[in-house]
Amino acid sequence: MGTTADLAPARARSRAGRGWTLLSNHGHVLVCLARDPRMRVRDVAAAVGLTERACYRIVSDLVAAGLLRRERVGRSNRYTIELTASAGHPAWRGMSASRLLDIS
C-alpha cells in the first residue's frame, strides 16, 4: 500500500496533464456554437470534453442568460449567439458577446 508521499507525484502529474484553460465550460460551449451554429450538443460535448447531459445543462444556462438563442429546424436545433448580450460577469461588465468572441 502506497504512502501519501508515494501518491504526491501521481497527483501532480494528473493536475499537470489536466492543466487549465482561459474559459469556463460555458465559454467553451459558447465558442463551439459560435463557430458552428448547427453543431449537435453531442458533438459540442465531445469537443469540449463534457458529458452530453452537462452540455445540455450549459446550453440551457446560456439560453436562460440571454447569450444564446435556440431555434428548432426540422429535427435538430440551430443556435444563434445574441451578439448584444452582456457576458454576465462583473469583470466583463459592458462587454457584448460579439466583442468577447470577436465575431462581430
Protein backbone atom coordinates (compact mmCIF):
# COMPACT_ATOMS: atom_id res chain seq x y z
CA MET A 1 0.00 0.00 0.00
CA GLY A 2 1.38 3.40 -1.01
CA THR A 3 2.00 6.23 1.36
CA THR A 4 0.82 9.78 0.90
CA ALA A 5 4.34 10.69 -0.24
CA ASP A 6 4.12 7.99 -2.93
CA LEU A 7 0.87 9.46 -4.23
CA ALA A 8 2.09 13.06 -4.44
CA PRO A 9 3.90 12.70 -7.80
CA ALA A 10 0.86 10.97 -9.33
CA ARG A 11 -1.39 13.80 -8.15
CA ALA A 12 1.00 16.38 -9.56
CA ARG A 13 1.10 14.55 -12.91
CA SER A 14 -2.69 14.36 -13.10
CA ARG A 15 -3.00 18.08 -12.35
CA ALA A 16 -0.28 18.95 -14.84
CA GLY A 17 -1.85 16.78 -17.54
CA ARG A 18 -5.24 18.34 -16.98
CA GLY A 19 -3.91 21.89 -16.94
CA TRP A 20 -6.19 24.88 -17.02
CA THR A 21 -7.97 26.86 -19.66
CA LEU A 22 -8.80 30.51 -20.04
CA LEU A 23 -12.53 29.89 -20.46
CA SER A 24 -15.04 28.02 -18.35
CA ASN A 25 -17.01 25.13 -19.80
CA HIS A 26 -19.79 27.64 -20.53
CA GLY A 27 -17.31 29.70 -22.55
CA HIS A 28 -16.08 26.65 -24.45
CA VAL A 29 -19.64 25.66 -25.37
CA LEU A 30 -20.42 29.21 -26.49
CA VAL A 31 -17.31 29.31 -28.70
CA CYS A 32 -18.17 25.94 -30.29
CA LEU A 33 -21.68 27.11 -31.12
CA ALA A 34 -20.39 30.46 -32.41
CA ARG A 35 -18.16 28.55 -34.84
CA ASP A 36 -20.87 26.12 -35.94
CA PRO A 37 -24.47 27.07 -35.01
CA ARG A 38 -25.78 23.72 -36.32
CA MET A 39 -23.44 21.63 -34.18
CA ARG A 40 -25.24 18.93 -32.22
CA VAL A 41 -24.97 19.10 -28.44
CA ARG A 42 -23.48 15.59 -28.56
CA ASP A 43 -20.66 16.90 -30.77
CA VAL A 44 -20.16 20.03 -28.66
CA ALA A 45 -19.87 17.83 -25.56
CA ALA A 46 -17.24 15.65 -27.25
CA ALA A 47 -15.29 18.70 -28.44
CA VAL A 48 -15.30 20.32 -25.01
CA GLY A 49 -14.76 17.10 -23.05
CA LEU A 50 -18.06 17.06 -21.18
CA THR A 51 -20.90 14.63 -20.83
CA GLU A 52 -23.85 15.25 -23.09
CA ARG A 53 -26.02 15.89 -20.04
CA ALA A 54 -23.65 18.56 -18.70
CA CYS A 55 -23.53 20.18 -22.11
CA TYR A 56 -27.35 20.32 -22.31
CA ARG A 57 -27.37 21.98 -18.88
CA ILE A 58 -24.82 24.56 -20.05
CA VAL A 59 -26.78 25.30 -23.24
CA SER A 60 -29.88 25.82 -21.08
CA ASP A 61 -27.91 28.19 -18.83
CA LEU A 62 -26.71 30.18 -21.83
CA VAL A 63 -30.24 30.39 -23.24
CA ALA A 64 -31.61 31.50 -19.83
CA ALA A 65 -28.86 34.14 -19.54
CA GLY A 66 -29.80 35.55 -22.95
CA LEU A 67 -26.43 34.77 -24.55
CA LEU A 68 -27.78 32.06 -26.83
CA ARG A 69 -30.98 31.52 -28.78
CA ARG A 70 -32.14 28.02 -29.69
CA GLU A 71 -34.29 27.54 -32.78
CA ARG A 72 -35.82 24.25 -33.86
CA VAL A 73 -35.06 23.44 -37.52
CA GLY A 74 -36.69 20.18 -38.53
CA ARG A 75 -35.39 17.53 -36.15
CA SER A 76 -32.38 19.50 -34.98
CA ASN A 77 -31.54 22.80 -33.33
CA ARG A 78 -29.78 25.85 -34.65
CA TYR A 79 -28.10 28.17 -32.18
CA THR A 80 -27.61 31.91 -32.51
CA ILE A 81 -25.31 33.93 -30.30
CA GLU A 82 -27.10 37.02 -29.02
CA LEU A 83 -24.39 39.44 -30.10
CA THR A 84 -25.54 42.36 -27.96
CA ALA A 85 -25.97 40.32 -24.77
CA SER A 86 -23.66 41.09 -21.86
CA ALA A 87 -21.05 38.50 -20.92
CA GLY A 88 -22.67 38.17 -17.48
CA HIS A 89 -19.68 38.61 -15.16
CA PRO A 90 -18.75 41.81 -13.33
CA ALA A 91 -15.23 41.72 -14.77
CA TRP A 92 -16.75 41.81 -18.28
CA ARG A 93 -19.43 44.41 -17.50
CA GLY A 94 -20.49 46.30 -20.57
CA MET A 95 -18.73 43.94 -22.97
CA SER A 96 -21.04 42.33 -25.51
CA ALA A 97 -20.84 38.70 -26.58
CA SER A 98 -19.73 39.78 -30.06
CA ARG A 99 -16.81 41.75 -28.66
CA LEU A 100 -15.88 38.96 -26.26
CA LEU A 101 -15.96 36.37 -29.07
CA ASP A 102 -14.68 38.86 -31.66
CA ILE A 103 -17.18 37.62 -34.24
CA SER A 104 -18.89 40.93 -35.00
